[in-house]
């Protein structure tokens, strides 16, 4: 019986498994040095922001596992309100932890249609569940086709995330 292609592509050889700490968690999600990297998302690698395309045409935005790890426990969030247009490159939100404050830039331009109100009372949901309950905002994109060209997804995203983790010395979940 032949292995599914996704397993062959990402599974380490027996010689490198101990060295690179790579494992497949679920179909389409890889962990590297403890950091979760879902393959089905689009990523702004340098800013550690993820984007998920929704069936209704909107896009959900959040901070990656790597980004939240580097920032530390979130203590405050500011998110643009629904109805607000966010130009490409401008912040859709800003996050604050005990050691870091910074923007969540919008690579995908659009109008905020929903923000995660739960984060105002529990900002550390971003730390505890960055790809689930810790999502930041949902936007209606202005020009999705154009903006997706500036993001990375799939196997290429996994590889670039691994390179980022190595370059920055990130270890998630420790």
N, C-alpha and C. Protein backbone atom coordinates (compact mmCIF):
# COMPACT_ATOMS: atom_id res chain seq x y z
N UNK A 1 0.84 -1.19 0.00
CA UNK A 1 0.00 0.00 0.00
C UNK A 1 0.88 1.24 0.00
N UNK A 2 0.56 2.20 -0.84
CA UNK A 2 1.35 3.41 -0.97
C UNK A 2 0.90 4.45 0.06
N UNK A 3 1.87 5.19 0.65
CA UNK A 3 1.55 6.24 1.61
C UNK A 3 0.94 7.42 0.88
N UNK A 4 0.01 8.13 1.54
CA UNK A 4 -0.52 9.35 0.93
C UNK A 4 0.63 10.33 0.66
N UNK A 5 0.54 11.10 -0.43
CA UNK A 5 1.64 12.00 -0.80
C UNK A 5 2.01 12.99 0.30
N UNK A 6 1.02 13.49 1.08
CA UNK A 6 1.34 14.49 2.10
C UNK A 6 2.24 13.92 3.19
N UNK A 7 2.17 12.62 3.45
CA UNK A 7 3.03 12.03 4.46
C UNK A 7 4.47 11.92 3.97
N UNK A 8 4.63 11.49 2.73
CA UNK A 8 5.96 11.37 2.17
C UNK A 8 6.66 12.72 2.09
N UNK A 9 5.92 13.74 1.80
CA UNK A 9 6.49 15.07 1.58
C UNK A 9 7.03 15.69 2.86
N UNK A 10 6.40 15.45 4.00
CA UNK A 10 6.76 16.17 5.21
C UNK A 10 7.36 15.31 6.31
N UNK A 11 7.22 14.01 6.20
CA UNK A 11 7.74 13.15 7.26
C UNK A 11 9.27 13.10 7.17
N UNK A 12 9.96 13.28 8.29
CA UNK A 12 11.41 13.24 8.26
C UNK A 12 11.90 11.81 8.08
N UNK A 13 13.09 11.67 7.58
CA UNK A 13 13.68 10.34 7.51
C UNK A 13 14.07 9.92 8.92
N UNK A 14 14.33 8.63 9.11
CA UNK A 14 14.70 8.17 10.45
C UNK A 14 16.00 8.82 10.91
N UNK A 15 16.83 9.28 9.98
CA UNK A 15 18.11 9.90 10.34
C UNK A 15 17.94 11.32 10.86
N UNK A 16 16.89 12.00 10.42
CA UNK A 16 16.75 13.41 10.79
C UNK A 16 15.63 13.69 11.77
N UNK A 17 14.81 12.72 12.07
CA UNK A 17 13.64 12.95 12.92
C UNK A 17 14.04 13.54 14.27
N UNK A 18 15.06 13.00 14.89
CA UNK A 18 15.46 13.51 16.20
C UNK A 18 16.06 14.91 16.10
N UNK A 19 16.70 15.23 14.99
CA UNK A 19 17.41 16.49 14.85
C UNK A 19 16.47 17.67 14.57
N UNK A 20 15.44 17.45 13.77
CA UNK A 20 14.62 18.59 13.37
C UNK A 20 13.31 18.71 14.13
N UNK A 21 12.96 17.74 14.92
CA UNK A 21 11.75 17.82 15.73
C UNK A 21 10.53 18.16 14.89
N UNK A 22 10.35 17.46 13.80
CA UNK A 22 9.22 17.68 12.91
C UNK A 22 8.25 16.53 13.06
N UNK A 23 6.97 16.86 13.18
CA UNK A 23 5.99 15.78 13.19
C UNK A 23 4.70 16.27 12.59
N UNK A 24 3.94 15.34 12.08
CA UNK A 24 2.63 15.67 11.52
C UNK A 24 1.61 15.47 12.62
N UNK A 25 0.86 16.52 12.93
CA UNK A 25 -0.13 16.45 14.00
C UNK A 25 -1.45 15.91 13.49
N UNK A 26 -1.98 16.53 12.48
CA UNK A 26 -3.22 16.10 11.85
C UNK A 26 -3.06 16.35 10.37
N UNK A 27 -4.00 15.89 9.61
CA UNK A 27 -3.93 16.10 8.17
C UNK A 27 -3.76 17.59 7.89
N UNK A 28 -2.64 17.97 7.32
CA UNK A 28 -2.44 19.36 6.95
C UNK A 28 -1.87 20.25 8.03
N UNK A 29 -1.49 19.70 9.17
CA UNK A 29 -0.87 20.53 10.22
C UNK A 29 0.46 19.90 10.62
N UNK A 30 1.50 20.70 10.57
CA UNK A 30 2.84 20.24 10.90
C UNK A 30 3.29 20.96 12.17
N UNK A 31 4.09 20.29 12.98
CA UNK A 31 4.72 20.95 14.12
C UNK A 31 6.23 20.88 13.92
N UNK A 32 6.87 22.00 14.17
CA UNK A 32 8.32 22.09 14.05
C UNK A 32 8.84 22.84 15.26
N UNK A 33 9.72 22.20 16.02
CA UNK A 33 10.23 22.75 17.28
C UNK A 33 9.07 23.21 18.18
N UNK A 34 8.02 22.40 18.19
CA UNK A 34 6.86 22.66 19.03
C UNK A 34 5.87 23.66 18.46
N UNK A 35 6.18 24.28 17.33
CA UNK A 35 5.31 25.31 16.73
C UNK A 35 4.37 24.68 15.72
N UNK A 36 3.09 24.95 15.87
CA UNK A 36 2.08 24.44 14.94
C UNK A 36 2.04 25.29 13.68
N UNK A 37 1.99 24.61 12.53
CA UNK A 37 1.94 25.29 11.24
C UNK A 37 0.87 24.62 10.37
N UNK A 38 -0.39 25.09 10.44
CA UNK A 38 -1.42 24.52 9.56
C UNK A 38 -1.13 24.87 8.10
N UNK A 39 -1.20 23.88 7.24
CA UNK A 39 -0.89 24.08 5.82
C UNK A 39 -1.99 24.80 5.04
N UNK A 40 -3.21 24.77 5.56
CA UNK A 40 -4.34 25.32 4.80
C UNK A 40 -4.49 26.83 4.94
N UNK A 41 -3.62 27.47 5.67
CA UNK A 41 -3.69 28.91 5.87
C UNK A 41 -2.73 29.63 4.94
N UNK A 42 -2.94 30.93 4.79
CA UNK A 42 -2.00 31.80 4.08
C UNK A 42 -1.23 32.57 5.12
N UNK A 43 0.06 32.80 4.87
CA UNK A 43 0.91 33.42 5.88
C UNK A 43 1.67 34.64 5.38
N UNK A 44 1.74 35.63 6.24
CA UNK A 44 2.69 36.73 6.14
C UNK A 44 3.82 36.31 7.08
N UNK A 45 4.85 35.70 6.53
CA UNK A 45 5.89 35.05 7.33
C UNK A 45 6.62 36.05 8.24
N UNK A 46 7.06 37.15 7.68
CA UNK A 46 7.88 38.08 8.48
C UNK A 46 7.11 38.72 9.63
N UNK A 47 5.81 38.91 9.45
CA UNK A 47 4.99 39.50 10.53
C UNK A 47 4.27 38.45 11.37
N UNK A 48 4.39 37.18 10.97
CA UNK A 48 3.77 36.07 11.69
C UNK A 48 2.26 36.26 11.87
N UNK A 49 1.60 36.52 10.74
CA UNK A 49 0.14 36.69 10.69
C UNK A 49 -0.40 35.64 9.73
N UNK A 50 -1.52 35.00 10.11
CA UNK A 50 -2.16 34.02 9.24
C UNK A 50 -3.50 34.55 8.74
N UNK A 51 -3.92 34.00 7.59
CA UNK A 51 -5.19 34.36 6.95
C UNK A 51 -5.87 33.07 6.52
N UNK A 52 -7.16 32.96 6.84
CA UNK A 52 -7.94 31.79 6.45
C UNK A 52 -9.11 32.23 5.56
N UNK A 53 -9.19 31.67 4.37
CA UNK A 53 -10.28 31.98 3.45
C UNK A 53 -11.52 31.24 3.89
N UNK A 54 -12.63 31.96 4.01
CA UNK A 54 -13.89 31.38 4.44
C UNK A 54 -14.81 31.17 3.22
N UNK A 55 -15.73 30.19 3.30
CA UNK A 55 -16.64 29.92 2.19
C UNK A 55 -17.50 31.12 1.78
N UNK A 56 -17.77 32.04 2.71
CA UNK A 56 -18.61 33.20 2.39
C UNK A 56 -17.83 34.33 1.73
N UNK A 57 -16.53 34.11 1.45
CA UNK A 57 -15.72 35.13 0.79
C UNK A 57 -14.96 36.04 1.74
N UNK A 58 -15.21 35.91 3.04
CA UNK A 58 -14.47 36.71 4.00
C UNK A 58 -13.15 36.01 4.33
N UNK A 59 -12.29 36.72 5.04
CA UNK A 59 -10.99 36.19 5.43
C UNK A 59 -10.80 36.44 6.92
N UNK A 60 -10.47 35.38 7.65
CA UNK A 60 -10.20 35.49 9.08
C UNK A 60 -8.69 35.70 9.25
N UNK A 61 -8.33 36.59 10.18
CA UNK A 61 -6.94 36.97 10.42
C UNK A 61 -6.56 36.62 11.85
N UNK A 62 -5.32 36.16 12.04
CA UNK A 62 -4.85 35.87 13.39
C UNK A 62 -3.33 35.90 13.47
N UNK A 63 -2.82 35.74 14.67
CA UNK A 63 -1.38 35.66 14.91
C UNK A 63 -0.97 34.19 14.92
N UNK A 64 0.19 33.88 14.37
CA UNK A 64 0.65 32.50 14.32
C UNK A 64 1.11 32.02 15.69
N UNK A 65 1.26 30.72 15.81
CA UNK A 65 1.80 30.12 17.02
C UNK A 65 3.20 30.67 17.29
N UNK A 66 3.98 30.83 16.23
CA UNK A 66 5.33 31.37 16.36
C UNK A 66 5.29 32.81 16.84
N UNK A 67 4.41 33.60 16.25
CA UNK A 67 4.27 35.01 16.64
C UNK A 67 3.87 35.18 18.09
N UNK A 68 2.87 34.41 18.52
CA UNK A 68 2.42 34.56 19.91
C UNK A 68 3.49 34.08 20.88
N UNK A 69 4.26 33.06 20.49
CA UNK A 69 5.34 32.56 21.34
C UNK A 69 6.40 33.64 21.52
N UNK A 70 6.79 34.27 20.43
CA UNK A 70 7.82 35.32 20.51
C UNK A 70 7.34 36.52 21.30
N UNK A 71 6.06 36.86 21.19
CA UNK A 71 5.53 38.04 21.88
C UNK A 71 5.37 37.82 23.38
N UNK A 72 4.99 36.62 23.78
CA UNK A 72 4.69 36.35 25.18
C UNK A 72 3.20 36.48 25.45
N UNK A 73 2.80 36.30 26.71
CA UNK A 73 1.38 36.32 27.09
C UNK A 73 0.75 37.67 26.76
N UNK A 74 -0.32 37.63 25.99
CA UNK A 74 -1.02 38.85 25.60
C UNK A 74 -1.78 39.43 26.80
N UNK A 75 -1.69 40.75 26.94
CA UNK A 75 -2.38 41.43 28.02
C UNK A 75 -3.40 42.45 27.51
N UNK A 76 -3.28 42.82 26.23
CA UNK A 76 -4.20 43.81 25.68
C UNK A 76 -4.25 43.68 24.16
N UNK A 77 -5.42 43.95 23.60
CA UNK A 77 -5.58 43.99 22.14
C UNK A 77 -6.40 45.21 21.77
N UNK A 78 -6.10 45.75 20.62
CA UNK A 78 -6.93 46.79 20.00
C UNK A 78 -7.20 46.30 18.58
N UNK A 79 -8.46 46.24 18.22
CA UNK A 79 -8.85 45.73 16.91
C UNK A 79 -9.77 46.76 16.25
N UNK A 80 -9.52 47.03 14.98
CA UNK A 80 -10.37 47.98 14.25
C UNK A 80 -11.82 47.50 14.32
N UNK A 81 -12.76 48.43 14.44
CA UNK A 81 -14.17 48.06 14.55
C UNK A 81 -14.78 47.64 13.21
N UNK A 82 -15.86 46.86 13.27
CA UNK A 82 -16.56 46.51 12.04
C UNK A 82 -16.97 47.77 11.27
N UNK A 83 -16.88 47.68 9.95
CA UNK A 83 -17.20 48.82 9.09
C UNK A 83 -15.97 49.63 8.71
N UNK A 84 -14.87 49.43 9.41
CA UNK A 84 -13.64 50.18 9.15
C UNK A 84 -12.88 49.54 7.99
N UNK A 85 -12.50 50.36 7.01
CA UNK A 85 -11.67 49.89 5.89
C UNK A 85 -10.21 49.91 6.33
N UNK A 86 -9.50 48.81 6.09
CA UNK A 86 -8.08 48.71 6.45
C UNK A 86 -7.28 48.60 5.15
N UNK A 87 -6.52 49.64 4.81
CA UNK A 87 -5.69 49.58 3.61
C UNK A 87 -4.57 48.55 3.75
N UNK A 88 -4.14 48.02 2.62
CA UNK A 88 -3.04 47.06 2.58
C UNK A 88 -1.82 47.67 3.27
N UNK A 89 -1.24 46.90 4.20
CA UNK A 89 -0.04 47.34 4.90
C UNK A 89 -0.31 48.10 6.20
N UNK A 90 -1.54 48.51 6.40
CA UNK A 90 -1.88 49.23 7.65
C UNK A 90 -2.37 48.23 8.68
N UNK A 91 -2.26 48.57 9.98
CA UNK A 91 -2.66 47.61 11.02
C UNK A 91 -4.16 47.39 11.11
N UNK A 92 -4.51 46.11 11.20
CA UNK A 92 -5.89 45.74 11.45
C UNK A 92 -6.12 45.67 12.96
N UNK A 93 -5.02 45.49 13.69
CA UNK A 93 -5.07 45.39 15.15
C UNK A 93 -3.69 45.68 15.71
N UNK A 94 -3.62 45.87 17.00
CA UNK A 94 -2.33 45.92 17.69
C UNK A 94 -2.45 45.03 18.92
N UNK A 95 -1.35 44.36 19.21
CA UNK A 95 -1.29 43.41 20.32
C UNK A 95 -0.26 43.88 21.32
N UNK A 96 -0.51 43.58 22.58
CA UNK A 96 0.42 43.97 23.63
C UNK A 96 0.60 42.82 24.61
N UNK A 97 1.85 42.51 24.86
CA UNK A 97 2.18 41.51 25.88
C UNK A 97 3.03 42.21 26.93
N UNK A 98 3.49 41.48 27.91
CA UNK A 98 4.34 42.06 28.94
C UNK A 98 5.68 42.54 28.40
N UNK A 99 6.11 41.98 27.25
CA UNK A 99 7.43 42.35 26.71
C UNK A 99 7.41 42.91 25.29
N UNK A 100 6.22 43.03 24.68
CA UNK A 100 6.16 43.45 23.29
C UNK A 100 4.84 44.12 22.98
N UNK A 101 4.88 45.15 22.14
CA UNK A 101 3.68 45.77 21.60
C UNK A 101 3.91 45.95 20.12
N UNK A 102 2.94 45.57 19.31
CA UNK A 102 3.14 45.73 17.88
C UNK A 102 1.87 45.57 17.09
N UNK A 103 1.94 45.98 15.82
CA UNK A 103 0.78 45.93 14.94
C UNK A 103 0.58 44.55 14.32
N UNK A 104 -0.64 44.32 13.87
CA UNK A 104 -0.97 43.17 13.03
C UNK A 104 -1.30 43.78 11.67
N UNK A 105 -0.30 43.86 10.78
CA UNK A 105 -0.54 44.52 9.50
C UNK A 105 -1.43 43.70 8.58
N UNK A 106 -2.24 44.40 7.81
CA UNK A 106 -3.15 43.74 6.87
C UNK A 106 -2.48 43.60 5.51
N UNK A 107 -2.10 42.39 5.16
CA UNK A 107 -1.60 42.13 3.81
C UNK A 107 -2.80 42.05 2.87
N UNK A 108 -3.93 41.58 3.40
CA UNK A 108 -5.17 41.55 2.62
C UNK A 108 -5.98 42.79 3.00
N UNK A 109 -6.15 43.67 2.03
CA UNK A 109 -6.91 44.90 2.25
C UNK A 109 -8.40 44.59 2.28
N UNK A 110 -9.13 45.32 3.12
CA UNK A 110 -10.56 45.12 3.14
C UNK A 110 -11.25 45.82 4.28
N UNK A 111 -12.52 45.50 4.42
CA UNK A 111 -13.36 46.08 5.47
C UNK A 111 -13.52 45.07 6.60
N UNK A 112 -13.32 45.53 7.82
CA UNK A 112 -13.55 44.66 8.97
C UNK A 112 -15.05 44.40 9.07
N UNK A 113 -15.43 43.13 9.07
CA UNK A 113 -16.85 42.78 9.21
C UNK A 113 -17.15 42.20 10.58
N UNK A 114 -16.11 41.75 11.26
CA UNK A 114 -16.29 41.20 12.60
C UNK A 114 -14.94 41.23 13.30
N UNK A 115 -14.97 41.45 14.60
CA UNK A 115 -13.75 41.32 15.38
C UNK A 115 -14.03 40.38 16.54
N UNK A 116 -12.99 39.76 17.03
CA UNK A 116 -13.15 38.79 18.10
C UNK A 116 -13.29 39.53 19.43
N UNK A 117 -14.52 39.80 19.81
CA UNK A 117 -14.82 40.55 21.03
C UNK A 117 -14.31 39.84 22.28
N UNK A 118 -14.22 38.53 22.21
CA UNK A 118 -13.76 37.73 23.35
C UNK A 118 -12.32 38.11 23.76
N UNK A 119 -11.53 38.58 22.80
CA UNK A 119 -10.14 38.94 23.09
C UNK A 119 -10.02 40.16 24.00
N UNK A 120 -11.03 41.02 24.03
CA UNK A 120 -10.96 42.20 24.88
C UNK A 120 -10.93 41.82 26.36
N UNK A 121 -11.63 40.74 26.72
CA UNK A 121 -11.62 40.26 28.11
C UNK A 121 -10.55 39.19 28.34
N UNK A 122 -10.22 38.45 27.29
CA UNK A 122 -9.28 37.33 27.42
C UNK A 122 -8.27 37.38 26.28
N UNK A 123 -7.37 38.37 26.28
CA UNK A 123 -6.43 38.50 25.16
C UNK A 123 -5.49 37.31 25.00
N UNK A 124 -5.26 36.58 26.09
CA UNK A 124 -4.33 35.45 25.98
C UNK A 124 -4.93 34.23 25.29
N UNK A 125 -6.17 34.35 24.79
CA UNK A 125 -6.69 33.31 23.89
C UNK A 125 -5.79 33.20 22.66
N UNK A 126 -5.15 34.31 22.29
CA UNK A 126 -4.21 34.30 21.17
C UNK A 126 -3.06 33.34 21.48
N UNK A 127 -2.64 33.29 22.74
CA UNK A 127 -1.56 32.38 23.14
C UNK A 127 -2.06 30.94 23.24
N UNK A 128 -3.24 30.77 23.81
CA UNK A 128 -3.74 29.44 24.10
C UNK A 128 -4.30 28.71 22.87
N UNK A 129 -4.84 29.45 21.92
CA UNK A 129 -5.48 28.84 20.75
C UNK A 129 -5.36 29.79 19.55
N UNK A 130 -4.12 30.01 19.06
CA UNK A 130 -3.92 31.03 18.02
C UNK A 130 -4.66 30.78 16.72
N UNK A 131 -4.95 29.52 16.38
CA UNK A 131 -5.63 29.22 15.11
C UNK A 131 -7.11 28.93 15.30
N UNK A 132 -7.58 29.02 16.53
CA UNK A 132 -8.99 28.74 16.82
C UNK A 132 -9.63 29.94 17.49
N UNK A 133 -9.91 29.82 18.79
CA UNK A 133 -10.60 30.88 19.53
C UNK A 133 -9.81 32.18 19.62
N UNK A 134 -8.51 32.13 19.29
CA UNK A 134 -7.67 33.33 19.36
C UNK A 134 -7.62 34.14 18.07
N UNK A 135 -8.52 33.85 17.12
CA UNK A 135 -8.56 34.66 15.88
C UNK A 135 -8.79 36.12 16.24
N UNK A 136 -8.36 37.02 15.36
CA UNK A 136 -8.43 38.45 15.69
C UNK A 136 -9.59 39.17 15.00
N UNK A 137 -9.69 39.03 13.68
CA UNK A 137 -10.73 39.75 12.94
C UNK A 137 -11.11 38.99 11.68
N UNK A 138 -12.27 39.35 11.15
CA UNK A 138 -12.75 38.81 9.87
C UNK A 138 -12.93 40.03 8.95
N UNK A 139 -12.37 39.92 7.75
CA UNK A 139 -12.47 41.03 6.82
C UNK A 139 -13.12 40.60 5.50
N UNK A 140 -13.74 41.58 4.85
CA UNK A 140 -14.27 41.38 3.50
C UNK A 140 -13.22 41.99 2.57
N UNK A 141 -12.50 41.15 1.82
CA UNK A 141 -11.38 41.66 1.02
C UNK A 141 -11.81 42.56 -0.13
N UNK A 142 -10.96 43.52 -0.44
CA UNK A 142 -11.18 44.43 -1.55
C UNK A 142 -10.69 43.83 -2.86
N UNK A 143 -9.49 43.21 -2.83
CA UNK A 143 -8.89 42.62 -4.02
C UNK A 143 -8.11 41.38 -3.59
N UNK A 144 -8.82 40.32 -3.29
CA UNK A 144 -8.22 39.11 -2.74
C UNK A 144 -7.19 38.50 -3.68
N UNK A 145 -7.51 38.42 -4.94
CA UNK A 145 -6.58 37.80 -5.90
C UNK A 145 -5.22 38.51 -5.89
N UNK A 146 -5.23 39.81 -5.89
CA UNK A 146 -3.99 40.60 -5.83
C UNK A 146 -3.23 40.33 -4.54
N UNK A 147 -3.94 40.38 -3.42
CA UNK A 147 -3.28 40.30 -2.11
C UNK A 147 -2.75 38.91 -1.78
N UNK A 148 -3.42 37.86 -2.27
CA UNK A 148 -2.93 36.50 -2.00
C UNK A 148 -1.55 36.27 -2.59
N UNK A 149 -1.20 37.01 -3.62
CA UNK A 149 0.13 36.87 -4.24
C UNK A 149 1.25 37.26 -3.28
N UNK A 150 0.92 38.03 -2.24
CA UNK A 150 1.92 38.48 -1.27
C UNK A 150 2.00 37.56 -0.06
N UNK A 151 1.26 36.45 -0.09
CA UNK A 151 1.24 35.51 1.03
C UNK A 151 1.74 34.14 0.57
N UNK A 152 2.06 33.30 1.53
CA UNK A 152 2.57 31.96 1.26
C UNK A 152 1.63 30.95 1.89
N UNK A 153 1.45 29.80 1.22
CA UNK A 153 0.58 28.75 1.76
C UNK A 153 1.16 27.37 1.43
N UNK A 154 0.57 26.33 2.03
CA UNK A 154 0.94 24.95 1.72
C UNK A 154 2.36 24.59 2.10
N UNK A 155 2.97 23.72 1.30
CA UNK A 155 4.31 23.22 1.58
C UNK A 155 5.34 24.35 1.59
N UNK A 156 5.15 25.34 0.72
CA UNK A 156 6.08 26.47 0.70
C UNK A 156 6.03 27.24 2.02
N UNK A 157 4.83 27.43 2.55
CA UNK A 157 4.69 28.13 3.83
C UNK A 157 5.35 27.35 4.96
N UNK A 158 5.15 26.04 4.98
CA UNK A 158 5.77 25.21 6.02
C UNK A 158 7.28 25.37 5.97
N UNK A 159 7.85 25.30 4.77
CA UNK A 159 9.30 25.43 4.63
C UNK A 159 9.79 26.81 5.10
N UNK A 160 9.09 27.86 4.69
CA UNK A 160 9.50 29.22 5.08
C UNK A 160 9.33 29.44 6.58
N UNK A 161 8.30 28.84 7.16
CA UNK A 161 8.11 28.95 8.61
C UNK A 161 9.24 28.24 9.35
N UNK A 162 9.63 27.08 8.87
CA UNK A 162 10.73 26.34 9.48
C UNK A 162 12.02 27.18 9.41
N UNK A 163 12.25 27.81 8.28
CA UNK A 163 13.43 28.67 8.13
C UNK A 163 13.37 29.84 9.10
N UNK A 164 12.19 30.44 9.27
CA UNK A 164 12.00 31.54 10.20
C UNK A 164 12.28 31.08 11.63
N UNK A 165 11.73 29.93 11.99
CA UNK A 165 11.93 29.37 13.33
C UNK A 165 13.41 29.17 13.62
N UNK A 166 14.12 28.62 12.66
CA UNK A 166 15.57 28.40 12.81
C UNK A 166 16.31 29.73 12.94
N UNK A 167 16.03 30.65 12.02
CA UNK A 167 16.72 31.96 12.01
C UNK A 167 16.51 32.72 13.32
N UNK A 168 15.27 32.67 13.85
CA UNK A 168 14.94 33.44 15.05
C UNK A 168 15.13 32.64 16.34
N UNK A 169 15.45 31.36 16.23
CA UNK A 169 15.66 30.54 17.41
C UNK A 169 14.40 30.32 18.25
N UNK A 170 13.27 30.14 17.59
CA UNK A 170 11.98 30.00 18.28
C UNK A 170 11.77 28.55 18.69
N UNK A 171 11.24 28.36 19.89
CA UNK A 171 10.84 27.06 20.39
C UNK A 171 9.46 27.25 21.04
N UNK A 172 8.41 26.71 20.41
CA UNK A 172 7.05 26.90 20.91
C UNK A 172 6.72 25.85 21.96
N UNK A 173 5.75 26.18 22.81
CA UNK A 173 5.23 25.23 23.76
C UNK A 173 6.18 24.83 24.88
N UNK A 174 7.18 25.68 25.13
CA UNK A 174 8.11 25.34 26.21
C UNK A 174 7.81 26.11 27.46
